Amino acid sequence: MTMEIERKFLVLGDSWKTGARGTLYQQGYLSIESGRSVRVRIAGEKAWLTIKGETQSISRPEFEYDIPVEDARELMALCLPGIISKTRYLVPLGAHCWEIDVFEGDNAGLVVAEIELQDEREDFEQPAWLGREVTDDARYYNASLTGNPFCNWKTES
């Protein structure tokens, strides 16, 4: 088992995008329950099945397995409504690599930066384009965005 330690932030502007190349991601959820989710993800010619446990602070257990892309496409048909489509950009900064997700479809307009850490108290460089932290706001979890997409939110500051 791997422990995922992750923080999420909104993104200000697009200065982060200079030189960044993105990859289209599509993901769906086979199960979303309190304390766990099962996700299928396709990115280019790669695919994964991921099981995540309950979040404690900013950590949660994560099991991720490579699967054939054709299997992932078939599993997508079994997923709950609300397939997520986003372009992910990798932006190296200092000792870390930020993952910037630019959402599409019903979540268009939402741009979230994630950073994975080795320890919950680990320091990291905070770039000028980093906005408000949303780690503790469950609305920003991809699993939540399937049932309550960004387009349905009244306002976001």
C-alpha atoms as a PDB file:
ATOM      1  CA  MET A   1       0.000   0.000   0.000  1.00  0.00           C
ATOM      2  CA  THR A   2       1.081   3.522  -0.742  1.00  0.00           C
ATOM      3  CA  MET A   3       0.059   6.518   1.307  1.00  0.00           C
ATOM      4  CA  GLU A   4      -0.906   9.538  -0.800  1.00  0.00           C
ATOM      5  CA  ILE A   5      -0.062  12.852   0.864  1.00  0.00           C
ATOM      6  CA  GLU A   6      -1.463  15.637  -1.270  1.00  0.00           C
ATOM      7  CA  ARG A   7      -2.385  19.306  -1.065  1.00  0.00           C
ATOM      8  CA  LYS A   8      -4.675  21.111  -3.528  1.00  0.00           C
ATOM      9  CA  PHE A   9      -4.840  24.768  -4.484  1.00  0.00           C
ATOM     10  CA  LEU A  10      -6.747  26.920  -6.925  1.00  0.00           C
ATOM     11  CA  VAL A  11      -4.616  28.465  -9.675  1.00  0.00           C
ATOM     12  CA  LEU A  12      -4.343  32.176 -10.446  1.00  0.00           C
ATOM     13  CA  GLY A  13      -3.801  33.165 -14.077  1.00  0.00           C
ATOM     14  CA  ASP A  14      -1.875  31.083 -16.582  1.00  0.00           C
ATOM     15  CA  SER A  15       1.762  32.119 -16.050  1.00  0.00           C
ATOM     16  CA  TRP A  16       2.433  28.522 -14.917  1.00  0.00           C
ATOM     17  CA  LYS A  17       1.688  27.332 -18.460  1.00  0.00           C
ATOM     18  CA  THR A  18       4.879  28.646 -20.102  1.00  0.00           C
ATOM     19  CA  GLY A  19       6.525  25.650 -21.751  1.00  0.00           C
ATOM     20  CA  ALA A  20       4.214  23.138 -20.052  1.00  0.00           C
ATOM     21  CA  ARG A  21       2.796  20.280 -22.127  1.00  0.00           C
ATOM     22  CA  GLY A  22      -0.454  18.701 -21.181  1.00  0.00           C
ATOM     23  CA  THR A  23      -1.939  15.223 -21.417  1.00  0.00           C
ATOM     24  CA  LEU A  24      -5.660  14.557 -21.741  1.00  0.00           C
ATOM     25  CA  TYR A  25      -7.043  12.487 -18.872  1.00  0.00           C
ATOM     26  CA  GLN A  26     -10.422  10.811 -18.715  1.00  0.00           C
ATOM     27  CA  GLN A  27     -11.553   9.176 -15.532  1.00  0.00           C
ATOM     28  CA  GLY A  28     -14.645   7.615 -14.123  1.00  0.00           C
ATOM     29  CA  TYR A  29     -15.665   6.101 -10.827  1.00  0.00           C
ATOM     30  CA  LEU A  30     -16.901   2.548 -10.400  1.00  0.00           C
ATOM     31  CA  SER A  31     -17.673   3.243  -6.748  1.00  0.00           C
ATOM     32  CA  ILE A  32     -17.841   6.338  -4.565  1.00  0.00           C
ATOM     33  CA  GLU A  33     -18.690   5.673  -0.949  1.00  0.00           C
ATOM     34  CA  SER A  34     -17.876   7.353   2.312  1.00  0.00           C
ATOM     35  CA  GLY A  35     -14.222   6.633   2.983  1.00  0.00           C
ATOM     36  CA  ARG A  36     -13.341   4.965  -0.329  1.00  0.00           C
ATOM     37  CA  SER A  37     -13.496   5.227  -4.092  1.00  0.00           C
ATOM     38  CA  VAL A  38     -12.580   3.062  -7.072  1.00  0.00           C
ATOM     39  CA  ARG A  39     -11.452   4.962 -10.164  1.00  0.00           C
ATOM     40  CA  VAL A  40     -10.585   4.087 -13.763  1.00  0.00           C
ATOM     41  CA  ARG A  41      -8.265   6.530 -15.549  1.00  0.00           C
ATOM     42  CA  ILE A  42      -6.997   6.766 -19.119  1.00  0.00           C
ATOM     43  CA  ALA A  43      -4.152   9.101 -20.143  1.00  0.00           C
ATOM     44  CA  GLY A  44      -2.937   8.635 -23.704  1.00  0.00           C
ATOM     45  CA  GLU A  45      -2.020   4.988 -24.148  1.00  0.00           C
ATOM     46  CA  LYS A  46      -1.861   4.247 -20.416  1.00  0.00           C
ATOM     47  CA  ALA A  47      -4.611   3.274 -18.004  1.00  0.00           C
ATOM     48  CA  TRP A  48      -4.945   2.599 -14.284  1.00  0.00           C
ATOM     49  CA  LEU A  49      -7.363   1.265 -11.735  1.00  0.00           C
ATOM     50  CA  THR A  50      -7.049   3.150  -8.447  1.00  0.00           C
ATOM     51  CA  ILE A  51      -8.572   2.458  -5.051  1.00  0.00           C
ATOM     52  CA  LYS A  52      -8.398   5.245  -2.479  1.00  0.00           C
ATOM     53  CA  GLY A  53      -9.232   4.988   1.198  1.00  0.00           C
ATOM     54  CA  GLU A  54     -10.498   7.518   3.697  1.00  0.00           C
ATOM     55  CA  THR A  55      -8.617  10.801   3.988  1.00  0.00           C
ATOM     56  CA  GLN A  56      -7.062  11.550   7.370  1.00  0.00           C
ATOM     57  CA  SER A  57      -5.748  15.128   7.460  1.00  0.00           C
ATOM     58  CA  ILE A  58      -4.057  15.280   4.013  1.00  0.00           C
ATOM     59  CA  SER A  59      -3.145  11.587   3.745  1.00  0.00           C
ATOM     60  CA  ARG A  60      -5.012   8.566   2.462  1.00  0.00           C
ATOM     61  CA  PRO A  61      -4.196   5.012   1.430  1.00  0.00           C
ATOM     62  CA  GLU A  62      -3.923   4.537  -2.325  1.00  0.00           C
ATOM     63  CA  PHE A  63      -3.606   1.379  -4.408  1.00  0.00           C
ATOM     64  CA  GLU A  64      -2.920   1.927  -8.115  1.00  0.00           C
ATOM     65  CA  TYR A  65      -2.574  -0.718 -10.823  1.00  0.00           C
ATOM     66  CA  ASP A  66      -1.723  -0.492 -14.510  1.00  0.00           C
ATOM     67  CA  ILE A  67      -4.424  -2.055 -16.675  1.00  0.00           C
ATOM     68  CA  PRO A  68      -4.773  -2.462 -20.459  1.00  0.00           C
ATOM     69  CA  VAL A  69      -6.302   0.613 -22.135  1.00  0.00           C
ATOM     70  CA  GLU A  70      -8.971  -1.522 -23.802  1.00  0.00           C
ATOM     71  CA  ASP A  71     -10.033  -2.848 -20.393  1.00  0.00           C
ATOM     72  CA  ALA A  72     -10.182   0.719 -19.092  1.00  0.00           C
ATOM     73  CA  ARG A  73     -12.391   1.792 -22.001  1.00  0.00           C
ATOM     74  CA  GLU A  74     -14.791  -1.060 -21.246  1.00  0.00           C
ATOM     75  CA  LEU A  75     -14.754  -0.243 -17.522  1.00  0.00           C
ATOM     76  CA  MET A  76     -15.617   3.411 -18.324  1.00  0.00           C
ATOM     77  CA  ALA A  77     -18.953   2.160 -19.631  1.00  0.00           C
ATOM     78  CA  LEU A  78     -19.648   0.716 -16.159  1.00  0.00           C
ATOM     79  CA  CYS A  79     -18.764   3.917 -14.299  1.00  0.00           C
ATOM     80  CA  LEU A  80     -21.144   6.167 -12.435  1.00  0.00           C
ATOM     81  CA  PRO A  81     -22.458   9.177 -14.400  1.00  0.00           C
ATOM     82  CA  GLY A  82     -20.124  12.167 -14.612  1.00  0.00           C
ATOM     83  CA  ILE A  83     -16.931  11.109 -16.403  1.00  0.00           C
ATOM     84  CA  ILE A  84     -14.179  13.658 -15.697  1.00  0.00           C
ATOM     85  CA  SER A  85     -12.217  15.095 -18.599  1.00  0.00           C
ATOM     86  CA  LYS A  86      -9.191  17.287 -17.927  1.00  0.00           C
ATOM     87  CA  THR A  87      -5.795  18.179 -19.271  1.00  0.00           C
ATOM     88  CA  ARG A  88      -2.987  17.625 -16.788  1.00  0.00           C
ATOM     89  CA  TYR A  89       0.178  19.689 -16.980  1.00  0.00           C
ATOM     90  CA  LEU A  90       3.337  18.801 -15.050  1.00  0.00           C
ATOM     91  CA  VAL A  91       5.199  21.858 -13.766  1.00  0.00           C
ATOM     92  CA  PRO A  92       8.530  21.160 -12.001  1.00  0.00           C
ATOM     93  CA  LEU A  93       9.388  23.669  -9.284  1.00  0.00           C
ATOM     94  CA  GLY A  94      12.176  23.211  -6.782  1.00  0.00           C
ATOM     95  CA  ALA A  95      12.202  19.680  -5.366  1.00  0.00           C
ATOM     96  CA  HIS A  96       8.608  18.996  -6.452  1.00  0.00           C
ATOM     97  CA  CYS A  97       6.491  18.664  -9.549  1.00  0.00           C
ATOM     98  CA  TRP A  98       3.100  20.365  -9.534  1.00  0.00           C
ATOM     99  CA  GLU A  99       0.197  18.721 -11.351  1.00  0.00           C
ATOM    100  CA  ILE A 100      -2.071  21.377 -12.825  1.00  0.00           C
ATOM    101  CA  ASP A 101      -5.491  20.072 -13.886  1.00  0.00           C
ATOM    102  CA  VAL A 102      -7.496  22.172 -16.346  1.00  0.00           C
ATOM    103  CA  PHE A 103     -10.983  20.696 -16.331  1.00  0.00           C
ATOM    104  CA  GLU A 104     -13.299  20.433 -19.330  1.00  0.00           C
ATOM    105  CA  GLY A 105     -16.983  19.733 -19.912  1.00  0.00           C
ATOM    106  CA  ASP A 106     -19.228  20.372 -16.898  1.00  0.00           C
ATOM    107  CA  ASN A 107     -16.140  21.303 -14.858  1.00  0.00           C
ATOM    108  CA  ALA A 108     -14.781  23.836 -17.381  1.00  0.00           C
ATOM    109  CA  GLY A 109     -13.357  26.926 -15.718  1.00  0.00           C
ATOM    110  CA  LEU A 110     -11.902  24.975 -12.812  1.00  0.00           C
ATOM    111  CA  VAL A 111      -8.099  24.856 -12.594  1.00  0.00           C
ATOM    112  CA  VAL A 112      -6.529  23.053  -9.631  1.00  0.00           C
ATOM    113  CA  ALA A 113      -2.862  22.565  -8.686  1.00  0.00           C
ATOM    114  CA  GLU A 114      -1.866  19.495  -6.685  1.00  0.00           C
ATOM    115  CA  ILE A 115       1.409  18.688  -5.018  1.00  0.00           C
ATOM    116  CA  GLU A 116       2.310  15.286  -3.588  1.00  0.00           C
ATOM    117  CA  LEU A 117       4.500  15.304  -0.519  1.00  0.00           C
ATOM    118  CA  GLN A 118       6.573  12.741   1.379  1.00  0.00           C
ATOM    119  CA  ASP A 119       5.428  14.043   4.767  1.00  0.00           C
ATOM    120  CA  GLU A 120       2.433  16.102   5.886  1.00  0.00           C
ATOM    121  CA  ARG A 121       4.725  18.786   7.331  1.00  0.00           C
ATOM    122  CA  GLU A 122       7.046  18.959   4.323  1.00  0.00           C
ATOM    123  CA  ASP A 123       7.899  22.458   3.095  1.00  0.00           C
ATOM    124  CA  PHE A 124       7.520  23.318  -0.578  1.00  0.00           C
ATOM    125  CA  GLU A 125       8.026  26.314  -2.809  1.00  0.00           C
ATOM    126  CA  GLN A 126       4.812  28.277  -3.344  1.00  0.00           C
ATOM    127  CA  PRO A 127       4.770  29.897  -6.791  1.00  0.00           C
ATOM    128  CA  ALA A 128       3.103  33.270  -7.483  1.00  0.00           C
ATOM    129  CA  TRP A 129       0.284  31.570  -9.429  1.00  0.00           C
ATOM    130  CA  LEU A 130      -0.793  29.541  -6.395  1.00  0.00           C
ATOM    131  CA  GLY A 131      -4.208  30.592  -5.106  1.00  0.00           C
ATOM    132  CA  ARG A 132      -6.342  29.584  -2.154  1.00  0.00           C
ATOM    133  CA  GLU A 133      -5.759  26.133  -0.653  1.00  0.00           C
ATOM    134  CA  VAL A 134      -8.739  23.787  -1.113  1.00  0.00           C
ATOM    135  CA  THR A 135      -7.263  20.570   0.319  1.00  0.00           C
ATOM    136  CA  ASP A 136      -9.961  20.344   2.988  1.00  0.00           C
ATOM    137  CA  ASP A 137     -12.857  21.243   0.665  1.00  0.00           C
ATOM    138  CA  ALA A 138     -14.379  17.955  -0.550  1.00  0.00           C
ATOM    139  CA  ARG A 139     -16.098  19.737  -3.480  1.00  0.00           C
ATOM    140  CA  TYR A 140     -12.705  19.779  -5.216  1.00  0.00           C
ATOM    141  CA  TYR A 141     -12.173  16.015  -5.027  1.00  0.00           C
ATOM    142  CA  ASN A 142     -12.487  14.542  -8.505  1.00  0.00           C
ATOM    143  CA  ALA A 143     -14.954  11.999  -7.132  1.00  0.00           C
ATOM    144  CA  SER A 144     -17.145  14.869  -5.895  1.00  0.00           C
ATOM    145  CA  LEU A 145     -16.946  16.670  -9.237  1.00  0.00           C
ATOM    146  CA  THR A 146     -18.662  13.716 -10.937  1.00  0.00           C
ATOM    147  CA  GLY A 147     -21.907  14.262  -9.008  1.00  0.00           C
ATOM    148  CA  ASN A 148     -21.596  17.996  -8.330  1.00  0.00           C
ATOM    149  CA  PRO A 149     -19.738  19.508 -11.294  1.00  0.00           C
ATOM    150  CA  PHE A 150     -18.257  23.002 -11.171  1.00  0.00           C
ATOM    151  CA  CYS A 151     -20.919  24.362 -13.574  1.00  0.00           C
ATOM    152  CA  ASN A 152     -23.554  23.758 -10.861  1.00  0.00           C
ATOM    153  CA  TRP A 153     -21.768  25.799  -8.189  1.00  0.00           C
ATOM    154  CA  LYS A 154     -23.363  29.210  -7.589  1.00  0.00           C
ATOM    155  CA  THR A 155     -20.165  31.259  -7.323  1.00  0.00           C
ATOM    156  CA  GLU A 156     -16.515  30.563  -6.653  1.00  0.00           C
ATOM    157  CA  SER A 157     -14.202  33.225  -5.310  1.00  0.00           C
END
